[in-house]
Amino acid sequence: MNDDGTALLTIGDLARATGLTVRTIRYWSDEGALPPVARSPGGYRLYDAACVARLELIRTLRELGLGLDDVRTVLSGERTVAQVAATHVAALDARIRSLRVTRAVLSSVARRGAGTEETTLMNRLARLSAAERERIIDGFMTEVFEGLDTADPDIRTRLRFATADLPDDPTPEQVDAWVELAELIQDPEFRALMRRMIVFNAADRGPDVPAGTSLWFMSRLVQLAGEALRRGVVPEAPEAGEILRGLIGDADPAAVLERLTAASDERVARYRRLSAELKGLEPLPSYEEEFSWVVAALRCRAGR
């Protein structure tokens, strides 16, 4: 009997009042989440009415996935339910993201009929933490741009945007794209190719050249070459020379040819397609015909 005259309850009484099993209540009591308020002459644990409310709170927190350590910190007043809940929300979000990646990897493996080694690689790359993926991307950007302060800043911004990360809820196709992209941007040969493009871009670019000029050149190339193709002008024709002068002015055709050869490399085109897949966008037009026409026209005149 309590000092206020209310009866004390045994574990069996608590079980009947709450619908929980005696075994569960005893375990929670043993773990310190529900200490008894007294002991009977026979040594049995006794509880008061407040323990019923405490027991209901323990059950609620356990059903929400909290461990007994967290439950004890709430019951002792060390942390509020809101604080513990926020921690668990973050943990659940991480778990959900992990499960989504697992689902996407398994779907991709099943769809592709991937072998053991390929499956291991896909899983390892897809499960890199966001920080690890960021380090891969930052390493790529650093190696490509380091020391090239005169490179067009718009090119840097676009390249960083294009080097997309794995979405939180990826499709199997996006897992495939990220795995391939991660391998590509870590490939020393591809990094050297991309750096060569940026070196070309920075070589004759003064500090007063407006940002975006490089992109204007590419737009102009597509426009002029597209018009030539529609009119049936072949790269060897004298008129093609006039079109090139409208594009490159007095620049050395051989130097421009070297730049465009790097920019039109199939690996660069593949990089753009993978980036579009990761972002859930339609791939940008490659303008292969226009680039091929300009490259052919430049080759006819390089070294003259």
Protein backbone atom coordinates (compact mmCIF):
# COMPACT_ATOMS: atom_id res chain seq x y z
CA MET A 1 0.00 0.00 0.00
CA ASN A 2 1.27 3.49 -0.90
CA ASP A 3 1.44 6.31 1.64
CA ASP A 4 -1.62 7.84 -0.05
CA GLY A 5 -3.60 4.67 0.50
CA THR A 6 -3.55 3.45 -3.10
CA ALA A 7 -2.71 -0.18 -3.71
CA LEU A 8 0.63 -1.22 -5.14
CA LEU A 9 0.67 -3.34 -8.27
CA THR A 10 2.56 -6.51 -9.09
CA ILE A 11 4.04 -7.19 -12.54
CA GLY A 12 0.97 -9.39 -13.16
CA ASP A 13 -1.30 -6.44 -12.33
CA LEU A 14 0.66 -4.23 -14.76
CA ALA A 15 0.39 -6.87 -17.46
CA ARG A 16 -3.38 -7.05 -17.08
CA ALA A 17 -3.69 -3.25 -17.04
CA THR A 18 -1.59 -2.64 -20.13
CA GLY A 19 -1.89 -5.81 -22.21
CA LEU A 20 1.87 -6.30 -22.15
CA THR A 21 3.41 -9.63 -21.23
CA VAL A 22 4.91 -10.24 -17.80
CA ARG A 23 8.15 -11.20 -19.50
CA THR A 24 8.38 -7.86 -21.36
CA ILE A 25 7.63 -5.80 -18.25
CA ARG A 26 10.17 -7.77 -16.20
CA TYR A 27 12.82 -7.22 -18.89
CA TRP A 28 12.19 -3.46 -19.03
CA SER A 29 12.33 -3.36 -15.25
CA ASP A 30 15.60 -5.34 -15.19
CA GLU A 31 17.08 -2.85 -17.69
CA GLY A 32 16.27 0.08 -15.42
CA ALA A 33 13.52 1.63 -17.54
CA LEU A 34 10.78 0.74 -15.02
CA PRO A 35 12.27 0.47 -11.52
CA PRO A 36 9.88 -0.84 -8.84
CA VAL A 37 8.78 1.51 -6.12
CA ALA A 38 8.91 -1.21 -3.43
CA ARG A 39 9.31 -4.91 -2.77
CA SER A 40 6.84 -7.28 -1.14
CA PRO A 41 7.85 -9.29 1.96
CA GLY A 42 8.47 -12.15 -0.47
CA GLY A 43 10.80 -10.03 -2.62
CA TYR A 44 8.38 -9.40 -5.49
CA ARG A 45 8.57 -6.09 -7.32
CA LEU A 46 5.75 -3.65 -6.68
CA TYR A 47 4.69 -0.62 -8.73
CA ASP A 48 2.34 2.32 -8.28
CA ALA A 49 -0.19 3.99 -10.57
CA ALA A 50 2.46 6.33 -11.98
CA CYS A 51 4.32 3.27 -13.23
CA VAL A 52 1.35 2.44 -15.46
CA ALA A 53 1.72 5.79 -17.25
CA ARG A 54 5.50 5.31 -17.38
CA LEU A 55 4.98 1.86 -18.87
CA GLU A 56 2.67 3.23 -21.57
CA LEU A 57 5.32 5.82 -22.50
CA ILE A 58 8.00 3.11 -22.66
CA ARG A 59 5.79 1.03 -24.93
CA THR A 60 5.12 4.02 -27.22
CA LEU A 61 8.80 4.90 -27.51
CA ARG A 62 9.75 1.26 -28.16
CA GLU A 63 7.07 0.95 -30.85
CA LEU A 64 8.59 4.03 -32.50
CA GLY A 65 11.91 2.18 -32.69
CA LEU A 66 13.82 3.77 -29.81
CA GLY A 67 16.29 1.60 -27.95
CA LEU A 68 16.18 1.25 -24.19
CA ASP A 69 19.18 3.58 -23.79
CA ASP A 70 17.21 6.36 -25.48
CA VAL A 71 14.11 5.47 -23.49
CA ARG A 72 16.03 5.80 -20.23
CA THR A 73 17.44 9.22 -21.22
CA VAL A 74 13.88 10.45 -21.91
CA LEU A 75 12.49 9.02 -18.68
CA SER A 76 15.35 10.50 -16.65
CA GLY A 77 14.85 13.94 -18.20
CA GLU A 78 18.31 14.03 -19.80
CA ARG A 79 16.74 14.54 -23.24
CA THR A 80 13.27 15.40 -24.43
CA VAL A 81 11.16 13.16 -26.60
CA ALA A 82 11.50 15.74 -29.37
CA GLN A 83 15.30 15.63 -29.23
CA VAL A 84 15.41 11.87 -29.31
CA ALA A 85 12.83 11.79 -32.10
CA ALA A 86 14.90 14.20 -34.21
CA THR A 87 17.94 11.95 -33.83
CA HIS A 88 15.93 8.92 -34.90
CA VAL A 89 14.42 10.75 -37.86
CA ALA A 90 17.94 11.45 -39.14
CA ALA A 91 18.93 7.82 -38.59
CA LEU A 92 15.80 6.58 -40.34
CA ASP A 93 16.41 8.93 -43.27
CA ALA A 94 19.91 7.50 -43.66
CA ARG A 95 18.53 3.97 -43.45
CA ILE A 96 15.84 4.73 -46.03
CA ARG A 97 18.45 6.18 -48.41
CA SER A 98 20.56 3.07 -47.92
CA LEU A 99 17.60 0.81 -48.66
CA ARG A 100 16.77 2.78 -51.79
CA VAL A 101 20.33 2.35 -53.05
CA THR A 102 20.17 -1.37 -52.21
CA ARG A 103 16.95 -1.72 -54.16
CA ALA A 104 18.37 0.13 -57.15
CA VAL A 105 21.61 -1.91 -57.15
CA LEU A 106 19.72 -5.21 -56.92
CA SER A 107 17.32 -4.13 -59.69
CA SER A 108 20.28 -3.19 -61.89
CA VAL A 109 22.06 -6.49 -61.17
CA ALA A 110 18.90 -8.45 -62.02
CA ARG A 111 18.26 -6.46 -65.18
CA ARG A 112 21.82 -6.67 -66.46
CA GLY A 113 22.58 -10.20 -65.32
CA ALA A 114 25.71 -8.81 -63.69
CA GLY A 115 28.45 -11.17 -62.55
CA THR A 116 30.08 -11.36 -59.11
CA GLU A 117 32.87 -8.84 -59.73
CA GLU A 118 30.61 -6.32 -61.45
CA THR A 119 28.01 -6.62 -58.68
CA THR A 120 30.68 -6.04 -56.02
CA LEU A 121 31.97 -2.94 -57.83
CA MET A 122 28.48 -1.54 -58.35
CA ASN A 123 27.58 -2.02 -54.71
CA ARG A 124 30.85 -0.51 -53.46
CA LEU A 125 30.61 2.61 -55.62
CA ALA A 126 26.88 3.11 -55.09
CA ARG A 127 27.29 2.86 -51.31
CA LEU A 128 29.98 5.48 -51.02
CA SER A 129 28.90 8.11 -48.53
CA ALA A 130 27.90 11.54 -49.80
CA ALA A 131 31.19 12.90 -48.44
CA GLU A 132 33.19 10.21 -50.27
CA ARG A 133 31.37 10.89 -53.51
CA GLU A 134 31.99 14.60 -53.02
CA ARG A 135 35.72 13.91 -52.59
CA ILE A 136 35.82 12.03 -55.90
CA ILE A 137 34.10 14.93 -57.69
CA ASP A 138 36.27 17.57 -55.98
CA GLY A 139 39.40 15.62 -56.85
CA PHE A 140 38.36 15.55 -60.50
CA MET A 141 37.62 19.29 -60.57
CA THR A 142 40.91 20.14 -58.83
CA GLU A 143 43.02 18.11 -61.22
CA VAL A 144 41.26 19.52 -64.29
CA PHE A 145 41.37 23.21 -63.27
CA GLU A 146 44.34 23.56 -60.90
CA GLY A 147 46.51 26.54 -61.83
CA LEU A 148 44.36 27.54 -64.82
CA ASP A 149 42.99 30.80 -63.46
CA THR A 150 42.21 32.23 -66.90
CA ALA A 151 39.83 29.42 -67.85
CA ASP A 152 36.28 30.59 -68.59
CA PRO A 153 34.45 30.51 -65.20
CA ASP A 154 31.25 29.48 -66.97
CA ILE A 155 33.02 26.32 -68.11
CA ARG A 156 34.01 25.55 -64.52
CA THR A 157 30.45 26.08 -63.29
CA ARG A 158 28.95 23.92 -66.01
CA LEU A 159 31.47 21.14 -65.54
CA ARG A 160 30.84 21.06 -61.77
CA PHE A 161 27.09 20.96 -62.42
CA ALA A 162 27.52 18.20 -64.98
CA THR A 163 29.48 16.03 -62.55
CA ALA A 164 26.26 14.94 -60.92
CA ASP A 165 25.97 12.94 -57.71
CA LEU A 166 23.83 9.88 -57.07
CA PRO A 167 20.24 10.90 -56.16
CA ASP A 168 18.82 9.87 -52.78
CA ASP A 169 16.25 7.63 -54.48
CA PRO A 170 18.09 6.39 -57.58
CA THR A 171 16.65 4.33 -60.39
CA PRO A 172 18.61 1.26 -61.52
CA GLU A 173 19.65 3.25 -64.59
CA GLN A 174 21.00 6.05 -62.38
CA VAL A 175 23.02 3.54 -60.36
CA ASP A 176 24.50 2.28 -63.63
CA ALA A 177 25.24 5.87 -64.69
CA TRP A 178 26.86 6.84 -61.37
CA VAL A 179 29.08 3.72 -61.31
CA GLU A 180 30.28 4.42 -64.84
CA LEU A 181 30.70 8.15 -64.21
CA ALA A 182 32.63 7.55 -60.98
CA GLU A 183 35.02 5.25 -62.83
CA LEU A 184 35.32 7.71 -65.70
CA ILE A 185 36.19 10.79 -63.64
CA GLN A 186 38.79 8.78 -61.70
CA ASP A 187 40.43 7.55 -64.91
CA PRO A 188 43.80 9.38 -65.32
CA GLU A 189 43.45 9.40 -69.12
CA PHE A 190 40.01 11.01 -68.98
CA ARG A 191 41.21 13.59 -66.45
CA ALA A 192 44.14 14.40 -68.73
CA LEU A 193 41.77 14.78 -71.69
CA MET A 194 39.49 17.14 -69.79
CA ARG A 195 42.44 19.15 -68.50
CA ARG A 196 43.78 19.47 -72.04
CA MET A 197 40.46 20.99 -73.07
CA ILE A 198 40.65 23.50 -70.20
CA VAL A 199 44.29 24.31 -71.00
CA PHE A 200 43.23 25.11 -74.58
CA ASN A 201 40.43 27.27 -73.22
CA ALA A 202 42.73 29.19 -70.87
CA ALA A 203 45.70 29.57 -73.25
CA ASP A 204 44.64 32.68 -75.16
CA ARG A 205 42.04 34.03 -72.77
CA GLY A 206 42.93 37.36 -71.20
CA PRO A 207 41.60 38.67 -67.88
CA ASP A 208 39.13 41.02 -69.60
CA VAL A 209 37.41 38.36 -71.73
CA PRO A 210 33.77 38.07 -70.58
CA ALA A 211 32.60 34.83 -68.97
CA GLY A 212 30.69 32.59 -71.35
CA THR A 213 32.78 33.46 -74.44
CA SER A 214 33.76 29.82 -74.88
CA LEU A 215 30.13 28.80 -74.90
CA TRP A 216 29.39 31.51 -77.45
CA PHE A 217 32.06 29.99 -79.72
CA MET A 218 30.38 26.57 -79.54
CA SER A 219 26.98 28.10 -80.28
CA ARG A 220 28.44 29.94 -83.25
CA LEU A 221 30.09 26.72 -84.48
CA VAL A 222 26.78 24.85 -84.38
CA GLN A 223 25.01 27.71 -86.16
CA LEU A 224 27.52 28.18 -89.01
CA ALA A 225 28.20 24.48 -89.57
CA GLY A 226 24.48 23.73 -89.47
CA GLU A 227 23.84 26.34 -92.17
CA ALA A 228 26.67 24.88 -94.29
CA LEU A 229 25.24 21.39 -93.98
CA ARG A 230 21.75 22.54 -94.95
CA ARG A 231 23.15 24.28 -98.03
CA GLY A 232 25.23 21.25 -98.99
CA VAL A 233 28.61 23.00 -98.62
CA VAL A 234 31.31 20.32 -98.45
CA PRO A 235 34.32 20.85 -96.11
CA GLU A 236 36.74 20.94 -99.08
CA ALA A 237 34.93 23.74 -100.90
CA PRO A 238 36.37 27.28 -101.01
CA GLU A 239 33.14 28.52 -99.44
CA ALA A 240 33.90 26.35 -96.38
CA GLY A 241 37.05 28.42 -95.87
CA GLU A 242 34.98 31.58 -95.70
CA ILE A 243 32.67 29.97 -93.16
CA LEU A 244 35.66 28.94 -91.03
CA ARG A 245 37.04 32.47 -91.10
CA GLY A 246 33.70 33.68 -89.78
CA LEU A 247 34.13 31.23 -86.92
CA ILE A 248 37.83 31.34 -86.01
CA GLY A 249 39.03 34.58 -87.65
CA ASP A 250 42.80 34.53 -88.15
CA ALA A 251 43.46 31.75 -85.65
CA ASP A 252 45.66 28.85 -86.71
CA PRO A 253 43.36 26.09 -88.09
CA ALA A 254 45.71 23.41 -86.70
CA ALA A 255 45.43 24.81 -83.17
CA VAL A 256 41.65 25.05 -83.38
CA LEU A 257 41.53 21.52 -84.80
CA GLU A 258 43.46 20.21 -81.79
CA ARG A 259 40.99 21.87 -79.43
CA LEU A 260 37.92 20.52 -81.20
CA THR A 261 39.38 17.03 -81.44
CA ALA A 262 39.59 16.93 -77.64
CA ALA A 263 36.13 18.45 -77.19
CA SER A 264 34.51 15.98 -79.60
CA ASP A 265 36.10 12.88 -78.01
CA GLU A 266 33.54 10.09 -77.49
CA ARG A 267 34.42 9.89 -73.78
CA VAL A 268 33.42 13.54 -73.34
CA ALA A 269 30.12 12.83 -75.08
CA ARG A 270 29.63 9.79 -72.83
CA TYR A 271 30.35 11.92 -69.76
CA ARG A 272 27.59 14.33 -70.79
CA ARG A 273 25.09 11.50 -71.35
CA LEU A 274 25.84 9.95 -67.95
CA SER A 275 25.43 13.32 -66.25
CA ALA A 276 22.06 13.83 -67.90
CA GLU A 277 20.92 10.36 -66.77
CA LEU A 278 21.89 11.10 -63.17
CA LYS A 279 19.97 14.37 -63.21
CA GLY A 280 16.94 12.78 -64.82
CA LEU A 281 17.28 15.06 -67.85
CA GLU A 282 17.20 14.44 -71.55
CA PRO A 283 20.76 14.37 -72.97
CA LEU A 284 21.81 17.62 -74.60
CA PRO A 285 22.24 17.48 -78.37
CA SER A 286 25.78 16.38 -79.31
CA TYR A 287 25.79 18.16 -82.70
CA GLU A 288 28.08 15.44 -84.04
CA GLU A 289 27.40 16.35 -87.66
CA GLU A 290 28.23 20.01 -87.10
CA PHE A 291 31.45 19.20 -85.21
CA SER A 292 32.46 16.65 -87.82
CA TRP A 293 31.95 19.20 -90.60
CA VAL A 294 34.11 21.83 -88.86
CA VAL A 295 36.80 19.26 -88.01
CA ALA A 296 36.90 18.08 -91.65
CA ALA A 297 37.08 21.67 -92.90
CA LEU A 298 39.91 22.46 -90.47
CA ARG A 299 41.83 19.36 -91.53
CA CYS A 300 41.65 20.47 -95.14
CA ARG A 301 43.36 23.73 -94.17
CA ALA A 302 45.62 22.75 -91.25
CA GLY A 303 49.31 23.18 -92.18
CA ARG A 304 48.65 25.31 -95.23
